[in-house]
Amino acid sequence: QVQVVESGGGLVQPGGSLRLSCVASGSALRFYPMNWYRQEPGKQRELVAGFTSGRNTNYLDSVKGRFTISRDNAKNTLYLQMDSLRPEDTAVYYCNTNPPLLPWGQGTQVTVSS
């Protein structure tokens, strides 16, 4: 069974950047349309960015132009480059398919604060 491990989160000031990684084990990520989700305390998990078909991507309106999803099939890794971060981007970030079919990883905490 595929398992994912997210990493790369941390504390960053508004306007800063982070790159998140999602490494898969058990199968190749290229077989799955992978996505990034995030969840704030007390709120539902929301889809942030993802691959739809082939190399087509889609983004949450509030992150368009600031976040970029990519993947390295050779490394079996999914990335989320996050630039111009805002306090409202603070959340735990997860990777999964859409709809989510894989076991959820532990996520990686992103905190944007001065």
C-alpha atoms as a PDB file:
ATOM      1  CA  GLN A   1       0.000   0.000   0.000  1.00  0.00           C
ATOM      2  CA  VAL A   2       1.221   3.480  -0.806  1.00  0.00           C
ATOM      3  CA  GLN A   3       2.323   5.584   2.132  1.00  0.00           C
ATOM      4  CA  VAL A   4       3.256   9.249   1.989  1.00  0.00           C
ATOM      5  CA  VAL A   5       5.484  11.365   4.211  1.00  0.00           C
ATOM      6  CA  GLU A   6       5.301  15.156   4.067  1.00  0.00           C
ATOM      7  CA  SER A   7       8.118  17.466   5.125  1.00  0.00           C
ATOM      8  CA  GLY A   8       9.506  20.947   4.627  1.00  0.00           C
ATOM      9  CA  GLY A   9       7.196  22.984   6.806  1.00  0.00           C
ATOM     10  CA  GLY A  10       8.302  25.493   9.388  1.00  0.00           C
ATOM     11  CA  LEU A  11       7.963  29.009  10.722  1.00  0.00           C
ATOM     12  CA  VAL A  12       8.374  31.772   8.164  1.00  0.00           C
ATOM     13  CA  GLN A  13       7.692  35.501   8.110  1.00  0.00           C
ATOM     14  CA  PRO A  14       4.998  36.951   5.852  1.00  0.00           C
ATOM     15  CA  GLY A  15       6.358  37.269   2.340  1.00  0.00           C
ATOM     16  CA  GLY A  16       8.717  34.373   2.822  1.00  0.00           C
ATOM     17  CA  SER A  17       8.959  31.056   0.993  1.00  0.00           C
ATOM     18  CA  LEU A  18       8.921  27.354   1.770  1.00  0.00           C
ATOM     19  CA  ARG A  19       9.115  24.216  -0.337  1.00  0.00           C
ATOM     20  CA  LEU A  20       7.162  21.220   0.853  1.00  0.00           C
ATOM     21  CA  SER A  21       7.967  17.655  -0.152  1.00  0.00           C
ATOM     22  CA  CYS A  22       5.857  14.525  -0.232  1.00  0.00           C
ATOM     23  CA  VAL A  23       7.723  11.246  -0.624  1.00  0.00           C
ATOM     24  CA  ALA A  24       5.805   8.099  -1.463  1.00  0.00           C
ATOM     25  CA  SER A  25       6.684   4.509  -0.687  1.00  0.00           C
ATOM     26  CA  GLY A  26       4.970   1.384  -1.920  1.00  0.00           C
ATOM     27  CA  SER A  27       4.159   2.616  -5.404  1.00  0.00           C
ATOM     28  CA  ALA A  28       5.118   5.250  -7.926  1.00  0.00           C
ATOM     29  CA  LEU A  29       3.586   8.684  -7.546  1.00  0.00           C
ATOM     30  CA  ARG A  30       3.367   9.038 -11.314  1.00  0.00           C
ATOM     31  CA  PHE A  31       0.442   6.601 -11.283  1.00  0.00           C
ATOM     32  CA  TYR A  32      -1.614   8.926  -9.101  1.00  0.00           C
ATOM     33  CA  PRO A  33      -3.020  12.439  -9.701  1.00  0.00           C
ATOM     34  CA  MET A  34      -1.435  13.868  -6.570  1.00  0.00           C
ATOM     35  CA  ASN A  35      -2.616  16.945  -4.736  1.00  0.00           C
ATOM     36  CA  TRP A  36      -1.755  19.115  -1.773  1.00  0.00           C
ATOM     37  CA  TYR A  37      -4.320  19.804   0.949  1.00  0.00           C
ATOM     38  CA  ARG A  38      -4.197  21.913   4.078  1.00  0.00           C
ATOM     39  CA  GLN A  39      -6.124  22.030   7.315  1.00  0.00           C
ATOM     40  CA  GLU A  40      -6.378  24.726   9.931  1.00  0.00           C
ATOM     41  CA  PRO A  41      -7.445  23.846  13.495  1.00  0.00           C
ATOM     42  CA  GLY A  42     -11.206  23.476  13.704  1.00  0.00           C
ATOM     43  CA  LYS A  43     -11.679  23.693   9.939  1.00  0.00           C
ATOM     44  CA  GLN A  44     -12.190  21.186   7.154  1.00  0.00           C
ATOM     45  CA  ARG A  45      -9.286  20.064   5.046  1.00  0.00           C
ATOM     46  CA  GLU A  46      -9.189  21.975   1.756  1.00  0.00           C
ATOM     47  CA  LEU A  47      -7.601  21.255  -1.584  1.00  0.00           C
ATOM     48  CA  VAL A  48      -4.774  23.677  -2.297  1.00  0.00           C
ATOM     49  CA  ALA A  49      -3.131  22.487  -5.507  1.00  0.00           C
ATOM     50  CA  GLY A  50      -3.112  19.398  -7.644  1.00  0.00           C
ATOM     51  CA  PHE A  51      -2.484  17.589 -10.877  1.00  0.00           C
ATOM     52  CA  THR A  52      -5.688  16.844 -12.771  1.00  0.00           C
ATOM     53  CA  SER A  53      -4.648  14.887 -15.870  1.00  0.00           C
ATOM     54  CA  GLY A  54      -1.210  14.547 -17.346  1.00  0.00           C
ATOM     55  CA  ARG A  55       0.686  17.656 -16.348  1.00  0.00           C
ATOM     56  CA  ASN A  56      -2.398  19.896 -16.008  1.00  0.00           C
ATOM     57  CA  THR A  57      -2.675  21.620 -12.641  1.00  0.00           C
ATOM     58  CA  ASN A  58      -5.263  23.495 -10.636  1.00  0.00           C
ATOM     59  CA  TYR A  59      -4.980  25.787  -7.628  1.00  0.00           C
ATOM     60  CA  LEU A  60      -7.123  27.250  -4.888  1.00  0.00           C
ATOM     61  CA  ASP A  61      -7.920  30.817  -5.943  1.00  0.00           C
ATOM     62  CA  SER A  62      -6.177  32.328  -2.926  1.00  0.00           C
ATOM     63  CA  VAL A  63      -2.838  30.667  -3.776  1.00  0.00           C
ATOM     64  CA  LYS A  64      -2.807  31.182  -7.554  1.00  0.00           C
ATOM     65  CA  GLY A  65       0.361  32.932  -8.632  1.00  0.00           C
ATOM     66  CA  ARG A  66       2.045  32.205  -5.286  1.00  0.00           C
ATOM     67  CA  PHE A  67       2.150  28.391  -5.049  1.00  0.00           C
ATOM     68  CA  THR A  68       3.515  25.949  -7.618  1.00  0.00           C
ATOM     69  CA  ILE A  69       3.000  22.201  -7.559  1.00  0.00           C
ATOM     70  CA  SER A  70       5.543  19.948  -9.230  1.00  0.00           C
ATOM     71  CA  ARG A  71       6.822  16.394  -9.081  1.00  0.00           C
ATOM     72  CA  ASP A  72       9.983  14.457  -9.702  1.00  0.00           C
ATOM     73  CA  ASN A  73       8.998  10.972 -10.820  1.00  0.00           C
ATOM     74  CA  ALA A  74      12.563   9.725 -10.592  1.00  0.00           C
ATOM     75  CA  LYS A  75      12.605  10.642  -6.895  1.00  0.00           C
ATOM     76  CA  ASN A  76       8.976   9.620  -6.358  1.00  0.00           C
ATOM     77  CA  THR A  77       8.430  13.007  -4.780  1.00  0.00           C
ATOM     78  CA  LEU A  78       5.751  15.684  -4.998  1.00  0.00           C
ATOM     79  CA  TYR A  79       6.601  19.311  -4.213  1.00  0.00           C
ATOM     80  CA  LEU A  80       4.780  22.500  -3.328  1.00  0.00           C
ATOM     81  CA  GLN A  81       6.749  25.696  -3.759  1.00  0.00           C
ATOM     82  CA  MET A  82       5.096  28.389  -1.669  1.00  0.00           C
ATOM     83  CA  ASP A  83       6.111  32.011  -2.202  1.00  0.00           C
ATOM     84  CA  SER A  84       4.766  35.300  -0.860  1.00  0.00           C
ATOM     85  CA  LEU A  85       3.380  33.460   2.122  1.00  0.00           C
ATOM     86  CA  ARG A  86       0.605  35.061   4.152  1.00  0.00           C
ATOM     87  CA  PRO A  87      -0.557  34.455   7.726  1.00  0.00           C
ATOM     88  CA  GLU A  88      -3.727  32.861   6.338  1.00  0.00           C
ATOM     89  CA  ASP A  89      -1.577  30.140   4.741  1.00  0.00           C
ATOM     90  CA  THR A  90      -0.842  28.815   8.239  1.00  0.00           C
ATOM     91  CA  ALA A  91      -2.037  25.213   8.394  1.00  0.00           C
ATOM     92  CA  VAL A  92      -0.926  21.598   8.357  1.00  0.00           C
ATOM     93  CA  TYR A  93      -0.245  20.556   4.771  1.00  0.00           C
ATOM     94  CA  TYR A  94      -0.884  17.047   3.431  1.00  0.00           C
ATOM     95  CA  CYS A  95      -0.552  15.236   0.110  1.00  0.00           C
ATOM     96  CA  ASN A  96      -3.026  12.735  -1.287  1.00  0.00           C
ATOM     97  CA  THR A  97      -5.007  11.908  -4.393  1.00  0.00           C
ATOM     98  CA  ASN A  98      -8.253  13.678  -5.284  1.00  0.00           C
ATOM     99  CA  PRO A  99     -10.514  12.300  -3.987  1.00  0.00           C
ATOM    100  CA  PRO A 100      -8.225  11.195  -1.170  1.00  0.00           C
ATOM    101  CA  LEU A 101      -7.693   7.451  -1.528  1.00  0.00           C
ATOM    102  CA  LEU A 102      -4.374   6.969   0.248  1.00  0.00           C
ATOM    103  CA  PRO A 103      -3.779   6.766   4.004  1.00  0.00           C
ATOM    104  CA  TRP A 104      -3.161  10.299   5.264  1.00  0.00           C
ATOM    105  CA  GLY A 105       0.375  11.117   6.292  1.00  0.00           C
ATOM    106  CA  GLN A 106       1.226  13.079   9.406  1.00  0.00           C
ATOM    107  CA  GLY A 107       1.356  16.317   7.461  1.00  0.00           C
ATOM    108  CA  THR A 108       3.811  19.166   7.833  1.00  0.00           C
ATOM    109  CA  GLN A 109       3.073  22.321   9.817  1.00  0.00           C
ATOM    110  CA  VAL A 110       3.431  25.666   8.059  1.00  0.00           C
ATOM    111  CA  THR A 111       3.273  28.757  10.260  1.00  0.00           C
ATOM    112  CA  VAL A 112       3.422  32.224   8.736  1.00  0.00           C
ATOM    113  CA  SER A 113       3.924  34.844  11.392  1.00  0.00           C
ATOM    114  CA  SER A 114       6.052  37.850  12.191  1.00  0.00           C
END
